[in-house]
Amino acid sequence: MTTGAAAEPPAVGWAILGTANIARAAFVPALRRAGGGSVVAIGTRDPERGRQFAAREAPGARVGTYAEALADEAVRAVYVPLPNHLHREWAIRALEAGRAVLCEKPLGTTVDEVEAIIAAAGRTKGLLWEAFVFSFHPQTDRLRALVAEGAIGDPREILAGFHFRVRSPENIRWSAACRGGALNDVGCYPIHLARLLFDAEPETAWAVRRHDGHEVEAELQGMVRFPGGRRLLFTCGLERAYDAEARVLGTEGAVRLSNPYHPDAADVVELQRGSVLTRERVGGDQPSFTPAIRHVHAVLAGEAAPAHGAAQDALGTARAMEMVRSAAARGD
């Protein structure tokens, strides 16, 4: 009897539901870099747009309806970058089709929606992740290690923001029907970061918002209190230049991340302790989605246990967002 090298696990066939910009600009390049998988199906409401997307981003991928993409026998995993109000339906349908699901944030726009999606994952024994992909990034690992080893003493406060400018008034982010708005689109990031870093759930929240003539909030500022007197102070919005900085302030120092959510090769982690400032780049030479996609592939290959799954992470973020949303509504 002879033995050879272990067989390579089969490549993971992905379906993408929709042709969102984030799929083109972030997910597809990250999948190419990750290796071990490819886009084999595109689900779309507009066949011509789907064919154009496939020709540019995934030559050879089959184009059909959302349901046809889920039914494609070559599909093992599904990326759902649809408008927010469609996440519940299509994440659940993907799980019921037996596919692993990476769903864009927010997983659901209410606590009830998130509970329903997580229940579907439990019912189908399916794999489900919410696309806060920074949870898997080496930069986040480094941040958590600095905090755990006491580099800044006791972490007391996170100052964070996420802003970018949405120029078109027709953009779905301005649509109440599509569940747009600053909190759902970008405010969820610092909230999720704070929960991850503090390893705790919020106790109370305060927030104010500004609509500026839109159906949904254009900007929101808030404070979220965590146990032990820790807090998140954050801002988010859709009307100014891109900015996604965060600082973690402790009793002995501070850590600054130039982009904690989607770092690239230029982004840095800065540690300030007294008069000493150190700066490093951590894993920024890869697309931000790549570590998360590699993790999905490893889980499907039986090489890793699922981490940062939605069943463990998503409901706490949804409840925190509801706390902030309710506080903002009281202030209107």
Protein backbone atom coordinates (compact mmCIF):
# COMPACT_ATOMS: atom_id res chain seq x y z
CA MET A 1 0.00 0.00 0.00
CA THR A 2 1.37 3.41 -0.93
CA THR A 3 0.40 6.78 0.37
CA GLY A 4 0.64 10.09 -1.37
CA ALA A 5 0.13 13.70 -0.56
CA ALA A 6 -3.21 14.58 0.98
CA ALA A 7 -5.76 15.56 -1.63
CA GLU A 8 -6.54 19.22 -1.94
CA PRO A 9 -10.02 20.08 -0.68
CA PRO A 10 -12.44 20.85 -3.49
CA ALA A 11 -12.76 24.49 -4.49
CA VAL A 12 -15.73 26.29 -2.98
CA GLY A 13 -18.27 27.50 -5.49
CA TRP A 14 -19.76 30.83 -4.47
CA ALA A 15 -22.97 32.50 -5.55
CA ILE A 16 -23.38 36.25 -5.27
CA LEU A 17 -26.91 37.58 -4.94
CA GLY A 18 -27.03 40.93 -6.70
CA THR A 19 -24.37 43.06 -8.34
CA ALA A 20 -23.68 45.51 -5.53
CA ASN A 21 -20.57 47.69 -5.67
CA ILE A 22 -19.16 46.03 -2.57
CA ALA A 23 -19.27 42.67 -4.35
CA ARG A 24 -17.29 44.09 -7.26
CA ALA A 25 -14.86 46.23 -5.30
CA ALA A 26 -14.31 44.16 -2.16
CA PHE A 27 -15.65 40.61 -2.22
CA VAL A 28 -14.52 39.39 -5.66
CA PRO A 29 -10.91 40.67 -5.38
CA ALA A 30 -10.67 39.19 -1.89
CA LEU A 31 -11.97 35.83 -3.11
CA ARG A 32 -9.33 35.78 -5.85
CA ARG A 33 -6.62 36.51 -3.27
CA ALA A 34 -7.97 33.94 -0.80
CA GLY A 35 -7.78 31.05 -3.25
CA GLY A 36 -9.74 27.86 -2.81
CA GLY A 37 -12.94 29.17 -4.35
CA SER A 38 -14.54 31.05 -7.19
CA VAL A 39 -17.80 32.70 -8.18
CA VAL A 40 -19.85 30.16 -10.12
CA ALA A 41 -23.28 31.81 -10.05
CA ILE A 42 -24.72 35.31 -10.07
CA GLY A 43 -28.28 35.91 -8.92
CA THR A 44 -29.89 39.07 -10.24
CA ARG A 45 -33.17 40.80 -11.00
CA ASP A 46 -31.62 42.33 -14.14
CA PRO A 47 -30.20 39.62 -16.45
CA GLU A 48 -28.27 42.06 -18.65
CA ARG A 49 -26.66 43.72 -15.67
CA GLY A 50 -25.85 40.28 -14.27
CA ARG A 51 -24.20 39.20 -17.53
CA GLN A 52 -22.11 42.38 -17.59
CA PHE A 53 -21.05 41.80 -13.98
CA ALA A 54 -20.12 38.18 -14.73
CA ALA A 55 -18.15 39.15 -17.84
CA ARG A 56 -16.07 41.64 -15.87
CA GLU A 57 -15.74 39.96 -12.49
CA ALA A 58 -16.48 36.23 -12.84
CA PRO A 59 -16.12 34.93 -16.41
CA GLY A 60 -17.95 31.65 -16.78
CA ALA A 61 -20.31 32.23 -13.86
CA ARG A 62 -23.90 31.31 -14.60
CA VAL A 63 -26.42 34.15 -14.43
CA GLY A 64 -30.00 33.65 -13.27
CA THR A 65 -32.51 34.72 -10.68
CA TYR A 66 -31.69 34.72 -6.98
CA ALA A 67 -33.53 31.39 -6.60
CA GLU A 68 -31.71 29.85 -9.57
CA ALA A 69 -28.35 30.86 -8.11
CA LEU A 70 -29.22 29.19 -4.80
CA ALA A 71 -30.30 26.03 -6.60
CA ASP A 72 -27.09 25.75 -8.64
CA GLU A 73 -25.50 22.42 -7.70
CA ALA A 74 -21.98 23.90 -7.86
CA VAL A 75 -22.77 26.45 -5.14
CA ARG A 76 -21.60 25.72 -1.60
CA ALA A 77 -21.51 29.26 -0.19
CA VAL A 78 -23.51 32.42 -0.82
CA TYR A 79 -22.55 36.06 -0.40
CA VAL A 80 -25.59 38.29 0.19
CA PRO A 81 -24.83 41.99 -0.51
CA LEU A 82 -28.46 42.85 -1.25
CA PRO A 83 -30.21 45.97 0.10
CA ASN A 84 -30.82 45.71 3.82
CA HIS A 85 -34.54 45.00 3.61
CA LEU A 86 -33.85 41.81 1.58
CA HIS A 87 -31.32 40.24 3.95
CA ARG A 88 -33.83 38.29 6.00
CA GLU A 89 -35.60 36.63 3.08
CA TRP A 90 -32.54 35.66 1.07
CA ALA A 91 -30.28 34.69 3.93
CA ILE A 92 -32.98 32.33 5.13
CA ARG A 93 -33.60 30.96 1.65
CA ALA A 94 -29.89 30.37 1.17
CA LEU A 95 -29.69 28.51 4.47
CA GLU A 96 -32.73 26.43 3.54
CA ALA A 97 -30.97 25.56 0.27
CA GLY A 98 -28.14 24.08 2.33
CA ARG A 99 -25.60 26.79 1.58
CA ALA A 100 -23.14 28.49 3.89
CA VAL A 101 -24.04 32.19 4.08
CA LEU A 102 -21.94 35.33 4.39
CA CYS A 103 -24.50 38.14 4.65
CA GLU A 104 -23.68 41.81 4.52
CA LYS A 105 -24.20 43.89 7.61
CA PRO A 106 -26.55 44.50 9.19
CA LEU A 107 -27.69 40.89 9.14
CA GLY A 108 -31.19 42.18 9.87
CA THR A 109 -32.57 45.64 10.47
CA THR A 110 -34.47 44.69 13.62
CA VAL A 111 -33.84 42.30 16.48
CA ASP A 112 -36.78 40.19 15.28
CA GLU A 113 -35.23 39.82 11.82
CA VAL A 114 -31.89 38.76 13.23
CA GLU A 115 -33.56 36.25 15.54
CA ALA A 116 -35.45 34.78 12.58
CA ILE A 117 -32.28 34.37 10.49
CA ILE A 118 -30.35 32.81 13.36
CA ALA A 119 -33.29 30.48 14.04
CA ALA A 120 -33.17 29.39 10.39
CA ALA A 121 -29.47 28.63 10.73
CA GLY A 122 -30.20 26.52 13.79
CA ARG A 123 -33.09 24.75 12.10
CA THR A 124 -31.05 23.91 9.00
CA LYS A 125 -27.77 23.37 10.89
CA GLY A 126 -26.34 25.92 8.50
CA LEU A 127 -23.23 28.07 8.61
CA LEU A 128 -23.97 31.79 8.89
CA TRP A 129 -21.72 34.82 9.18
CA GLU A 130 -22.45 38.54 9.25
CA ALA A 131 -19.91 40.37 7.09
CA PHE A 132 -18.06 42.28 9.79
CA VAL A 133 -14.97 40.87 8.16
CA PHE A 134 -12.60 42.89 10.35
CA SER A 135 -13.30 40.34 13.08
CA PHE A 136 -11.05 37.91 11.14
CA HIS A 137 -8.35 40.39 10.14
CA PRO A 138 -4.81 40.19 11.60
CA GLN A 139 -5.03 43.88 12.48
CA THR A 140 -7.94 43.13 14.82
CA ASP A 141 -5.99 40.24 16.32
CA ARG A 142 -3.13 42.63 16.99
CA LEU A 143 -5.44 45.20 18.58
CA ARG A 144 -6.97 42.62 20.87
CA ALA A 145 -3.52 41.31 21.80
CA LEU A 146 -2.29 44.80 22.72
CA VAL A 147 -5.30 45.33 24.95
CA ALA A 148 -5.06 41.85 26.51
CA GLU A 149 -1.37 42.24 27.35
CA GLY A 150 -2.00 45.57 29.11
CA ALA A 151 -0.24 47.80 26.58
CA ILE A 152 -2.70 50.62 27.34
CA GLY A 153 -3.67 49.55 30.84
CA ASP A 154 -7.38 49.16 31.41
CA PRO A 155 -9.29 50.11 28.23
CA ARG A 156 -11.88 52.70 29.20
CA GLU A 157 -13.14 54.39 26.06
CA ILE A 158 -13.37 53.89 22.31
CA LEU A 159 -13.61 56.94 20.05
CA ALA A 160 -14.70 55.86 16.61
CA GLY A 161 -16.36 57.07 13.46
CA PHE A 162 -17.33 55.88 10.04
CA HIS A 163 -18.28 58.39 7.36
CA PHE A 164 -18.34 58.58 3.60
CA ARG A 165 -20.20 60.70 1.11
CA VAL A 166 -23.21 59.35 -0.79
CA ARG A 167 -23.58 61.77 -3.66
CA SER A 168 -26.58 60.40 -5.55
CA PRO A 169 -30.03 61.15 -4.09
CA GLU A 170 -31.20 57.91 -5.74
CA ASN A 171 -28.80 55.74 -3.78
CA ILE A 172 -30.62 53.05 -1.78
CA ARG A 173 -28.83 54.21 1.36
CA TRP A 174 -31.25 57.17 1.39
CA SER A 175 -34.30 54.89 1.15
CA ALA A 176 -36.44 54.16 4.18
CA ALA A 177 -38.09 51.27 2.31
CA CYS A 178 -34.67 49.69 1.78
CA ARG A 179 -33.79 50.33 5.46
CA GLY A 180 -30.96 52.70 4.68
CA GLY A 181 -29.49 55.40 6.87
CA ALA A 182 -26.19 56.09 8.56
CA LEU A 183 -26.68 53.73 11.50
CA ASN A 184 -27.53 50.67 9.43
CA ASP A 185 -24.90 51.37 6.81
CA VAL A 186 -21.84 52.41 8.83
CA GLY A 187 -22.77 53.07 12.48
CA CYS A 188 -23.02 49.33 13.02
CA TYR A 189 -19.23 48.99 12.58
CA PRO A 190 -18.03 50.88 15.69
CA ILE A 191 -20.80 49.25 17.72
CA HIS A 192 -19.65 45.80 16.67
CA LEU A 193 -16.01 46.75 17.28
CA ALA A 194 -16.79 47.91 20.82
CA ARG A 195 -18.65 44.69 21.65
CA LEU A 196 -15.76 42.65 20.28
CA LEU A 197 -13.07 44.60 22.12
CA PHE A 198 -14.86 45.01 25.44
CA ASP A 199 -16.23 41.44 25.23
CA ALA A 200 -19.46 42.68 26.79
CA GLU A 201 -22.96 43.86 25.95
CA PRO A 202 -24.11 47.49 26.29
CA GLU A 203 -26.13 48.69 29.25
CA THR A 204 -27.48 52.05 28.02
CA ALA A 205 -27.19 54.38 25.04
CA TRP A 206 -27.63 58.02 24.10
CA ALA A 207 -27.86 59.29 20.53
CA VAL A 208 -28.91 62.19 18.32
CA ARG A 209 -29.47 62.13 14.58
CA ARG A 210 -29.94 64.53 11.70
CA HIS A 211 -31.98 63.79 8.59
CA ASP A 212 -31.10 66.86 6.52
CA GLY A 213 -34.24 66.41 4.41
CA HIS A 214 -33.74 62.69 3.78
CA GLU A 215 -36.11 59.83 4.63
CA VAL A 216 -33.43 58.33 6.87
CA GLU A 217 -30.74 59.80 9.09
CA ALA A 218 -27.83 61.40 7.26
CA GLU A 219 -25.68 61.52 10.40
CA LEU A 220 -25.84 60.09 13.90
CA GLN A 221 -23.74 60.61 17.01
CA GLY A 222 -24.00 58.38 20.02
CA MET A 223 -22.60 57.06 23.26
CA VAL A 224 -22.97 53.44 24.30
CA ARG A 225 -22.19 52.52 27.90
CA PHE A 226 -20.73 49.12 28.75
CA PRO A 227 -20.27 47.45 32.15
CA GLY A 228 -17.53 48.78 34.38
CA GLY A 229 -17.84 52.36 33.17
CA ARG A 230 -16.45 51.63 29.71
CA ARG A 231 -17.99 53.45 26.78
CA LEU A 232 -18.08 53.90 23.04
CA LEU A 233 -18.36 57.42 21.64
CA PHE A 234 -19.04 57.29 17.92
CA THR A 235 -20.24 59.20 14.90
CA CYS A 236 -21.44 57.94 11.54
CA GLY A 237 -22.73 59.57 8.42
CA LEU A 238 -23.25 59.64 4.68
CA GLU A 239 -22.37 63.24 3.87
CA ARG A 240 -18.64 63.79 4.28
CA ALA A 241 -15.32 62.48 3.00
CA TYR A 242 -14.31 58.94 3.85
CA ASP A 243 -13.13 58.54 7.43
CA ALA A 244 -12.98 55.35 9.47
CA GLU A 245 -10.60 56.00 12.34
CA ALA A 246 -10.81 54.53 15.84
CA ARG A 247 -8.90 55.13 19.06
CA VAL A 248 -8.94 52.91 22.13
CA LEU A 249 -8.06 54.90 25.26
CA GLY A 250 -6.81 53.22 28.41
CA THR A 251 -5.44 54.09 31.82
CA GLU A 252 -1.83 53.84 30.58
CA GLY A 253 -1.99 54.73 26.91
CA ALA A 254 -3.93 54.58 23.67
CA VAL A 255 -4.11 52.67 20.41
CA ARG A 256 -5.12 54.34 17.16
CA LEU A 257 -6.23 52.47 14.03
CA SER A 258 -6.38 54.52 10.84
CA ASN A 259 -9.00 52.10 9.49
CA PRO A 260 -10.18 49.34 11.81
CA TYR A 261 -12.83 47.97 9.42
CA HIS A 262 -11.32 47.67 5.93
CA PRO A 263 -7.57 48.28 6.27
CA ASP A 264 -5.29 48.35 3.26
CA ALA A 265 -1.51 48.48 2.86
CA ALA A 266 -1.31 52.14 3.96
CA ASP A 267 -3.20 51.70 7.24
CA VAL A 268 -1.47 51.60 10.59
CA VAL A 269 -1.83 50.60 14.22
CA GLU A 270 -0.27 53.24 16.51
CA LEU A 271 0.47 52.63 20.18
CA GLN A 272 1.00 55.72 22.35
CA ARG A 273 2.31 55.10 25.86
CA GLY A 274 3.64 58.17 27.56
CA SER A 275 6.00 59.93 25.13
CA VAL A 276 6.69 56.76 23.16
CA LEU A 277 4.84 56.26 19.88
CA THR A 278 5.19 53.02 17.93
CA ARG A 279 3.61 52.35 14.56
CA GLU A 280 3.08 49.12 12.66
CA ARG A 281 1.19 47.77 9.67
CA VAL A 282 -0.53 44.45 10.21
CA GLY A 283 -1.79 42.32 7.35
CA GLY A 284 -2.68 45.33 5.26
CA ASP A 285 -1.34 43.88 2.02
CA GLN A 286 -4.46 41.78 1.49
CA PRO A 287 -8.08 42.77 0.76
CA SER A 288 -10.03 43.13 3.98
CA PHE A 289 -12.46 40.31 3.09
CA THR A 290 -9.71 37.77 2.40
CA PRO A 291 -9.15 36.43 5.95
CA ALA A 292 -12.90 35.96 6.41
CA ILE A 293 -13.25 34.11 3.10
CA ARG A 294 -10.29 31.89 3.96
CA HIS A 295 -11.99 31.05 7.23
CA VAL A 296 -15.23 30.08 5.45
CA HIS A 297 -13.23 27.84 3.10
CA ALA A 298 -11.39 26.22 6.01
CA VAL A 299 -14.65 25.51 7.83
CA LEU A 300 -16.21 23.98 4.72
CA ALA A 301 -13.11 21.85 4.25
CA GLY A 302 -13.35 20.59 7.84
CA GLU A 303 -10.05 22.25 8.71
CA ALA A 304 -11.38 24.79 11.23
CA ALA A 305 -14.23 25.24 13.64
CA PRO A 306 -16.54 28.18 12.87
CA ALA A 307 -15.53 31.45 14.55
CA HIS A 308 -17.38 34.76 14.81
CA GLY A 309 -20.57 33.09 13.64
CA ALA A 310 -23.77 35.09 13.50
CA ALA A 311 -25.41 32.86 16.08
CA GLN A 312 -22.86 34.11 18.61
CA ASP A 313 -22.20 37.68 17.42
CA ALA A 314 -25.09 39.15 15.46
CA LEU A 315 -27.87 39.35 18.02
CA GLY A 316 -25.84 41.44 20.47
CA THR A 317 -25.02 43.96 17.77
CA ALA A 318 -28.66 44.09 16.66
CA ARG A 319 -29.79 44.75 20.22
CA ALA A 320 -27.18 47.47 20.67
CA MET A 321 -28.24 49.13 17.43
CA GLU A 322 -31.87 49.04 18.54
CA MET A 323 -30.81 50.66 21.81
CA VAL A 324 -29.08 53.46 19.87
CA ARG A 325 -31.97 53.83 17.43
CA SER A 326 -34.49 54.14 20.25
CA ALA A 327 -32.33 56.72 22.02
CA ALA A 328 -32.07 58.78 18.84
CA ALA A 329 -35.85 58.61 18.31
CA ARG A 330 -36.44 59.94 21.83
CA GLY A 331 -34.25 62.90 20.99
CA ASP A 332 -36.12 63.84 17.81
